[in-house]
C-alpha atoms as a PDB file:
ATOM      1  CA  MET A   1     -47.850 -34.726  23.764  1.00  0.00           C
ATOM      2  CA  ALA A   2     -46.659 -34.118  20.196  1.00  0.00           C
ATOM      3  CA  LEU A   3     -44.216 -36.467  18.490  1.00  0.00           C
ATOM      4  CA  SER A   4     -43.359 -37.386  14.896  1.00  0.00           C
ATOM      5  CA  ARG A   5     -40.767 -39.386  12.971  1.00  0.00           C
ATOM      6  CA  MET A   6     -39.026 -36.101  12.140  1.00  0.00           C
ATOM      7  CA  ASP A   7     -38.060 -35.849  15.818  1.00  0.00           C
ATOM      8  CA  LEU A   8     -36.012 -39.024  15.386  1.00  0.00           C
ATOM      9  CA  ASP A   9     -33.638 -37.590  12.786  1.00  0.00           C
ATOM     10  CA  GLY A  10     -30.499 -37.087  14.771  1.00  0.00           C
ATOM     11  CA  LYS A  11     -27.358 -38.572  16.249  1.00  0.00           C
ATOM     12  CA  GLY A  12     -27.870 -42.029  17.665  1.00  0.00           C
ATOM     13  CA  ALA A  13     -31.119 -42.759  15.792  1.00  0.00           C
ATOM     14  CA  GLY A  14     -29.723 -46.120  14.695  1.00  0.00           C
ATOM     15  CA  SER A  15     -29.654 -47.644  18.185  1.00  0.00           C
ATOM     16  CA  PRO A  16     -32.344 -48.385  20.800  1.00  0.00           C
ATOM     17  CA  GLU A  17     -30.638 -46.077  23.291  1.00  0.00           C
ATOM     18  CA  GLY A  18     -30.317 -43.261  20.766  1.00  0.00           C
ATOM     19  CA  LEU A  19     -33.938 -43.518  19.663  1.00  0.00           C
ATOM     20  CA  VAL A  20     -35.252 -43.436  23.222  1.00  0.00           C
ATOM     21  CA  THR A  21     -33.031 -40.431  23.993  1.00  0.00           C
ATOM     22  CA  LEU A  22     -34.492 -38.565  20.993  1.00  0.00           C
ATOM     23  CA  ILE A  23     -38.059 -39.459  22.001  1.00  0.00           C
ATOM     24  CA  LEU A  24     -37.499 -38.273  25.578  1.00  0.00           C
ATOM     25  CA  LYS A  25     -36.004 -35.047  24.240  1.00  0.00           C
ATOM     26  CA  ALA A  26     -39.060 -34.485  22.020  1.00  0.00           C
ATOM     27  CA  VAL A  27     -41.486 -35.358  24.837  1.00  0.00           C
ATOM     28  CA  PRO A  28     -39.832 -33.973  28.012  1.00  0.00           C
ATOM     29  CA  ASP A  29     -43.050 -34.178  30.047  1.00  0.00           C
ATOM     30  CA  LEU A  30     -43.440 -37.949  29.618  1.00  0.00           C
ATOM     31  CA  GLU A  31     -44.713 -39.673  32.771  1.00  0.00           C
ATOM     32  CA  ALA A  32     -45.186 -43.224  33.971  1.00  0.00           C
ATOM     33  CA  PRO A  33     -46.887 -45.301  32.781  1.00  0.00           C
ATOM     34  CA  VAL A  34     -45.543 -44.405  29.352  1.00  0.00           C
ATOM     35  CA  PRO A  35     -48.472 -44.229  26.847  1.00  0.00           C
ATOM     36  CA  ILE A  36     -46.876 -46.670  24.415  1.00  0.00           C
ATOM     37  CA  ASP A  37     -50.023 -47.017  22.251  1.00  0.00           C
ATOM     38  CA  LYS A  38     -50.197 -43.264  21.695  1.00  0.00           C
ATOM     39  CA  LEU A  39     -46.469 -42.982  21.009  1.00  0.00           C
ATOM     40  CA  ALA A  40     -46.677 -45.755  18.413  1.00  0.00           C
ATOM     41  CA  ARG A  41     -49.559 -44.072  16.586  1.00  0.00           C
ATOM     42  CA  GLN A  42     -47.725 -40.746  16.511  1.00  0.00           C
ATOM     43  CA  LEU A  43     -44.722 -42.525  14.999  1.00  0.00           C
ATOM     44  CA  ASP A  44     -46.713 -43.779  11.952  1.00  0.00           C
ATOM     45  CA  ILE A  45     -48.160 -47.003  13.334  1.00  0.00           C
ATOM     46  CA  GLU A  46     -51.614 -46.921  11.749  1.00  0.00           C
ATOM     47  CA  ASP A  47     -53.233 -49.633  13.841  1.00  0.00           C
ATOM     48  CA  ILE A  48     -52.604 -52.009  16.744  1.00  0.00           C
ATOM     49  CA  GLN A  49     -54.515 -55.256  16.341  1.00  0.00           C
ATOM     50  CA  GLU A  50     -54.966 -58.115  18.792  1.00  0.00           C
ATOM     51  CA  PHE A  51     -55.078 -61.742  17.716  1.00  0.00           C
ATOM     52  CA  ASP A  52     -55.308 -65.200  19.269  1.00  0.00           C
ATOM     53  CA  SER A  53     -52.260 -67.372  18.655  1.00  0.00           C
ATOM     54  CA  GLU A  54     -49.992 -69.715  20.552  1.00  0.00           C
ATOM     55  CA  GLY A  55     -47.257 -69.534  17.934  1.00  0.00           C
ATOM     56  CA  PHE A  56     -46.436 -65.835  18.004  1.00  0.00           C
ATOM     57  CA  GLU A  57     -46.465 -63.156  20.683  1.00  0.00           C
ATOM     58  CA  GLY A  58     -46.431 -60.212  18.288  1.00  0.00           C
ATOM     59  CA  GLY A  59     -45.775 -58.999  14.784  1.00  0.00           C
ATOM     60  CA  LEU A  60     -45.262 -56.001  12.547  1.00  0.00           C
ATOM     61  CA  ILE A  61     -46.588 -55.461   9.023  1.00  0.00           C
ATOM     62  CA  THR A  62     -44.928 -52.652   7.110  1.00  0.00           C
ATOM     63  CA  ASP A  63     -43.915 -51.520   3.621  1.00  0.00           C
ATOM     64  CA  THR A  64     -40.448 -51.540   2.107  1.00  0.00           C
ATOM     65  CA  ALA A  65     -39.755 -47.917   3.053  1.00  0.00           C
ATOM     66  CA  ARG A  66     -41.353 -48.413   6.464  1.00  0.00           C
ATOM     67  CA  SER A  67     -43.418 -45.272   5.959  1.00  0.00           C
ATOM     68  CA  LYS A  68     -46.250 -46.847   7.955  1.00  0.00           C
ATOM     69  CA  GLY A  69     -46.954 -50.003   9.868  1.00  0.00           C
ATOM     70  CA  VAL A  70     -49.468 -52.165  11.720  1.00  0.00           C
ATOM     71  CA  ILE A  71     -48.547 -53.826  15.011  1.00  0.00           C
ATOM     72  CA  LEU A  72     -50.003 -57.213  15.926  1.00  0.00           C
ATOM     73  CA  THR A  73     -50.111 -58.373  19.525  1.00  0.00           C
ATOM     74  CA  ARG A  74     -51.403 -61.625  20.978  1.00  0.00           C
ATOM     75  CA  ARG A  75     -54.386 -61.228  23.254  1.00  0.00           C
ATOM     76  CA  SER A  76     -52.774 -61.463  26.695  1.00  0.00           C
ATOM     77  CA  HIS A  77     -52.132 -59.630  29.967  1.00  0.00           C
ATOM     78  CA  PRO A  78     -52.158 -55.818  29.455  1.00  0.00           C
ATOM     79  CA  PHE A  79     -48.582 -55.474  30.740  1.00  0.00           C
ATOM     80  CA  ARG A  80     -47.286 -58.121  28.325  1.00  0.00           C
ATOM     81  CA  ARG A  81     -49.234 -56.433  25.522  1.00  0.00           C
ATOM     82  CA  ARG A  82     -47.485 -53.139  26.300  1.00  0.00           C
ATOM     83  CA  PHE A  83     -44.056 -54.773  26.064  1.00  0.00           C
ATOM     84  CA  THR A  84     -45.006 -56.419  22.759  1.00  0.00           C
ATOM     85  CA  ILE A  85     -46.075 -53.078  21.304  1.00  0.00           C
ATOM     86  CA  GLY A  86     -42.783 -51.539  22.396  1.00  0.00           C
ATOM     87  CA  HIS A  87     -40.867 -54.471  20.896  1.00  0.00           C
ATOM     88  CA  GLU A  88     -42.570 -54.208  17.501  1.00  0.00           C
ATOM     89  CA  LEU A  89     -42.227 -50.426  17.518  1.00  0.00           C
ATOM     90  CA  GLY A  90     -38.499 -50.995  17.970  1.00  0.00           C
ATOM     91  CA  HIS A  91     -38.436 -53.168  14.844  1.00  0.00           C
ATOM     92  CA  PHE A  92     -40.289 -50.410  12.988  1.00  0.00           C
ATOM     93  CA  LEU A  93     -37.977 -47.585  14.049  1.00  0.00           C
ATOM     94  CA  ILE A  94     -34.494 -49.143  14.091  1.00  0.00           C
ATOM     95  CA  PRO A  95     -33.254 -48.665  10.507  1.00  0.00           C
ATOM     96  CA  THR A  96     -31.111 -51.829  10.383  1.00  0.00           C
ATOM     97  CA  HIS A  97     -34.084 -54.086  11.181  1.00  0.00           C
ATOM     98  CA  ILE A  98     -35.168 -55.603   7.880  1.00  0.00           C
ATOM     99  CA  PRO A  99     -38.489 -57.498   7.712  1.00  0.00           C
ATOM    100  CA  ASN A 100     -38.945 -60.728   5.775  1.00  0.00           C
ATOM    101  CA  ALA A 101     -39.943 -60.869   2.110  1.00  0.00           C
ATOM    102  CA  GLU A 102     -43.594 -60.264   3.006  1.00  0.00           C
ATOM    103  CA  GLY A 103     -42.720 -57.099   4.913  1.00  0.00           C
ATOM    104  CA  ARG A 104     -43.335 -58.701   8.300  1.00  0.00           C
ATOM    105  CA  PHE A 105     -41.709 -59.376  11.611  1.00  0.00           C
ATOM    106  CA  LEU A 106     -43.194 -62.338  13.480  1.00  0.00           C
ATOM    107  CA  CYS A 107     -41.921 -62.669  17.051  1.00  0.00           C
ATOM    108  CA  SER A 108     -42.344 -65.541  19.492  1.00  0.00           C
ATOM    109  CA  ARG A 109     -42.459 -65.408  23.270  1.00  0.00           C
ATOM    110  CA  GLU A 110     -38.862 -66.626  23.296  1.00  0.00           C
ATOM    111  CA  ASP A 111     -37.902 -63.665  21.097  1.00  0.00           C
ATOM    112  CA  MET A 112     -39.440 -61.305  23.656  1.00  0.00           C
ATOM    113  CA  ARG A 113     -37.227 -62.791  26.381  1.00  0.00           C
ATOM    114  CA  ARG A 114     -33.903 -62.618  24.548  1.00  0.00           C
ATOM    115  CA  LEU A 115     -31.226 -60.570  26.266  1.00  0.00           C
ATOM    116  CA  ASN A 116     -28.251 -61.535  24.111  1.00  0.00           C
ATOM    117  CA  ALA A 117     -27.363 -63.156  20.805  1.00  0.00           C
ATOM    118  CA  ALA A 118     -24.264 -64.332  18.973  1.00  0.00           C
ATOM    119  CA  GLU A 119     -22.451 -61.857  16.741  1.00  0.00           C
ATOM    120  CA  ASN A 120     -23.369 -63.820  13.595  1.00  0.00           C
ATOM    121  CA  ASP A 121     -27.029 -64.307  14.620  1.00  0.00           C
ATOM    122  CA  ARG A 122     -28.529 -61.362  12.741  1.00  0.00           C
ATOM    123  CA  ARG A 123     -32.154 -62.147  13.537  1.00  0.00           C
ATOM    124  CA  GLY A 124     -31.351 -62.798  17.183  1.00  0.00           C
ATOM    125  CA  ARG A 125     -29.546 -59.482  17.459  1.00  0.00           C
ATOM    126  CA  MET A 126     -32.585 -57.679  16.022  1.00  0.00           C
ATOM    127  CA  GLU A 127     -34.801 -59.305  18.663  1.00  0.00           C
ATOM    128  CA  VAL A 128     -32.374 -58.323  21.432  1.00  0.00           C
ATOM    129  CA  GLU A 129     -32.345 -54.710  20.210  1.00  0.00           C
ATOM    130  CA  ALA A 130     -36.146 -54.620  19.966  1.00  0.00           C
ATOM    131  CA  ASN A 131     -36.361 -55.883  23.563  1.00  0.00           C
ATOM    132  CA  ARG A 132     -33.868 -53.272  24.697  1.00  0.00           C
ATOM    133  CA  PHE A 133     -35.854 -50.520  22.978  1.00  0.00           C
ATOM    134  CA  SER A 134     -39.096 -51.700  24.581  1.00  0.00           C
ATOM    135  CA  SER A 135     -37.522 -51.880  28.046  1.00  0.00           C
ATOM    136  CA  LEU A 136     -35.950 -48.434  27.750  1.00  0.00           C
ATOM    137  CA  MET A 137     -39.131 -46.904  26.328  1.00  0.00           C
ATOM    138  CA  LEU A 138     -41.455 -48.378  28.952  1.00  0.00           C
ATOM    139  CA  MET A 139     -38.984 -47.766  31.788  1.00  0.00           C
ATOM    140  CA  PRO A 140     -36.924 -44.712  30.744  1.00  0.00           C
ATOM    141  CA  PRO A 141     -33.960 -44.317  33.123  1.00  0.00           C
ATOM    142  CA  PRO A 142     -34.753 -40.617  33.888  1.00  0.00           C
ATOM    143  CA  LEU A 143     -38.258 -41.638  35.000  1.00  0.00           C
ATOM    144  CA  LEU A 144     -37.230 -44.851  36.729  1.00  0.00           C
ATOM    145  CA  ARG A 145     -34.316 -43.666  38.874  1.00  0.00           C
ATOM    146  CA  PRO A 146     -36.379 -41.430  41.225  1.00  0.00           C
ATOM    147  CA  TYR A 147     -38.547 -44.455  42.084  1.00  0.00           C
ATOM    148  CA  LEU A 148     -35.488 -46.622  42.743  1.00  0.00           C
ATOM    149  CA  LYS A 149     -34.192 -44.025  45.202  1.00  0.00           C
ATOM    150  CA  GLN A 150     -37.347 -44.379  47.305  1.00  0.00           C
ATOM    151  CA  SER A 151     -35.908 -47.553  48.844  1.00  0.00           C
ATOM    152  CA  ARG A 152     -32.567 -47.426  50.658  1.00  0.00           C
ATOM    153  CA  GLU A 153     -31.810 -51.047  49.788  1.00  0.00           C
ATOM    154  CA  PRO A 154     -33.082 -53.595  47.225  1.00  0.00           C
ATOM    155  CA  ASP A 155     -36.519 -54.882  48.118  1.00  0.00           C
ATOM    156  CA  ILE A 156     -38.719 -57.276  46.146  1.00  0.00           C
ATOM    157  CA  GLY A 157     -41.894 -55.593  47.349  1.00  0.00           C
ATOM    158  CA  HIS A 158     -40.582 -52.236  46.194  1.00  0.00           C
ATOM    159  CA  MET A 159     -39.674 -53.740  42.805  1.00  0.00           C
ATOM    160  CA  ALA A 160     -43.199 -55.136  42.389  1.00  0.00           C
ATOM    161  CA  GLN A 161     -44.724 -51.793  43.361  1.00  0.00           C
ATOM    162  CA  ILE A 162     -42.717 -49.953  40.712  1.00  0.00           C
ATOM    163  CA  ALA A 163     -43.654 -52.593  38.122  1.00  0.00           C
ATOM    164  CA  GLY A 164     -47.301 -51.741  38.761  1.00  0.00           C
ATOM    165  CA  LYS A 165     -46.616 -48.014  38.494  1.00  0.00           C
ATOM    166  CA  PHE A 166     -44.913 -48.414  35.105  1.00  0.00           C
ATOM    167  CA  GLU A 167     -47.406 -51.106  34.000  1.00  0.00           C
ATOM    168  CA  VAL A 168     -44.752 -53.659  33.096  1.00  0.00           C
ATOM    169  CA  SER A 169     -44.283 -57.262  34.158  1.00  0.00           C
ATOM    170  CA  LYS A 170     -42.304 -58.086  37.293  1.00  0.00           C
ATOM    171  CA  GLN A 171     -39.773 -59.884  35.075  1.00  0.00           C
ATOM    172  CA  ALA A 172     -39.199 -56.752  32.956  1.00  0.00           C
ATOM    173  CA  MET A 173     -38.927 -54.527  36.031  1.00  0.00           C
ATOM    174  CA  ALA A 174     -36.613 -57.011  37.772  1.00  0.00           C
ATOM    175  CA  ASN A 175     -34.181 -56.765  34.842  1.00  0.00           C
ATOM    176  CA  ALA A 176     -34.237 -52.951  35.007  1.00  0.00           C
ATOM    177  CA  TYR A 177     -34.137 -52.920  38.827  1.00  0.00           C
ATOM    178  CA  ALA A 178     -31.087 -55.178  38.885  1.00  0.00           C
ATOM    179  CA  HIS A 179     -29.372 -53.090  36.217  1.00  0.00           C
ATOM    180  CA  TYR A 180     -29.834 -49.658  37.809  1.00  0.00           C
ATOM    181  CA  GLN A 181     -29.936 -50.411  41.531  1.00  0.00           C
ATOM    182  CA  GLY A 182     -26.164 -50.777  41.790  1.00  0.00           C
ATOM    183  CA  GLU A 183     -26.251 -53.573  44.373  1.00  0.00           C
ATOM    184  CA  ILE A 184     -25.239 -57.196  43.841  1.00  0.00           C
ATOM    185  CA  LEU A 185     -28.576 -58.969  43.616  1.00  0.00           C
ATOM    186  CA  ALA A 186     -30.693 -61.429  41.708  1.00  0.00           C
ATOM    187  CA  PHE A 187     -34.406 -62.113  41.324  1.00  0.00           C
ATOM    188  CA  VAL A 188     -35.367 -65.718  40.611  1.00  0.00           C
ATOM    189  CA  PHE A 189     -38.823 -66.495  39.200  1.00  0.00           C
ATOM    190  CA  THR A 190     -40.217 -69.952  39.890  1.00  0.00           C
ATOM    191  CA  LYS A 191     -43.441 -71.842  39.287  1.00  0.00           C
ATOM    192  CA  GLY A 192     -44.314 -75.222  40.709  1.00  0.00           C
ATOM    193  CA  GLY A 193     -40.818 -75.601  42.092  1.00  0.00           C
ATOM    194  CA  ARG A 194     -39.232 -75.001  38.676  1.00  0.00           C
ATOM    195  CA  VAL A 195     -37.019 -72.010  37.938  1.00  0.00           C
ATOM    196  CA  LEU A 196     -38.499 -70.068  35.007  1.00  0.00           C
ATOM    197  CA  SER A 197     -36.051 -67.190  34.713  1.00  0.00           C
ATOM    198  CA  ARG A 198     -33.581 -65.013  36.576  1.00  0.00           C
ATOM    199  CA  ALA A 199     -32.750 -61.329  36.553  1.00  0.00           C
ATOM    200  CA  SER A 200     -29.430 -60.393  38.093  1.00  0.00           C
ATOM    201  CA  THR A 201     -26.652 -57.853  38.087  1.00  0.00           C
ATOM    202  CA  SER A 202     -23.644 -58.640  35.880  1.00  0.00           C
ATOM    203  CA  ASN A 203     -21.443 -59.187  38.943  1.00  0.00           C
ATOM    204  CA  PHE A 204     -23.770 -61.775  40.497  1.00  0.00           C
ATOM    205  CA  ARG A 205     -22.329 -65.292  40.437  1.00  0.00           C
ATOM    206  CA  SER A 206     -24.734 -68.160  39.877  1.00  0.00           C
ATOM    207  CA  SER A 207     -22.811 -70.170  42.478  1.00  0.00           C
ATOM    208  CA  TRP A 208     -24.122 -67.729  45.102  1.00  0.00           C
ATOM    209  CA  CYS A 209     -27.738 -68.784  44.532  1.00  0.00           C
ATOM    210  CA  ILE A 210     -29.419 -70.336  47.548  1.00  0.00           C
ATOM    211  CA  THR A 211     -31.641 -73.361  47.045  1.00  0.00           C
ATOM    212  CA  VAL A 212     -34.888 -73.092  48.986  1.00  0.00           C
ATOM    213  CA  LYS A 213     -36.892 -76.262  49.480  1.00  0.00           C
ATOM    214  CA  ARG A 214     -40.625 -76.061  49.916  1.00  0.00           C
ATOM    215  CA  SER A 215     -41.712 -77.367  53.308  1.00  0.00           C
ATOM    216  CA  ARG A 216     -44.443 -79.978  53.461  1.00  0.00           C
ATOM    217  CA  PRO A 217     -47.288 -79.609  55.951  1.00  0.00           C
ATOM    218  CA  ALA A 218     -46.936 -81.862  58.986  1.00  0.00           C
ATOM    219  CA  ARG A 219     -49.179 -84.922  59.034  1.00  0.00           C
ATOM    220  CA  SER A 220     -51.677 -85.149  61.831  1.00  0.00           C
END
């Protein structure tokens, strides 16, 4: 696999979708799971460092010209680490993403979950684009669609299986699964009876959600 920043000089290089298209064109034999660490290093990321922090999920240190960079990722589950690397690589490659005065991007867990932002929220829009780049890079549509076709109808077990194949979280795969499957569906993630997040198709109405109560064991 050979890739360089020169491969990213072309039409569409200013958007997450355009960048991923150029990368896939330069590396046509890419397979799942996408080797995001190797891709980042070939695209002038000099190092990927892990750190312990509850305040930030990831970060990027770069120079003004963004000729090189260092990605920081919180020590966590390998799948979450992969998404963080993809997210920070997106910040590094998308030309309109401007770091702070110290040449850094510092991203929280909430930033990594953002799917939309207001038109006037410049920082929020950068985080949304970085998430979109990471999702598309870790789950490229040309690689993902053949796996989706293996199941004739949406299936949560099938979704989880593909998440393992692509080495991404179930939440990340659920978003992609709902987007490309073409059916009206939603995945709801809960913990301790509390809804944590939801991934659904754009035509899914929240009023259609079914409330499921946990049954209590019968007393003897």
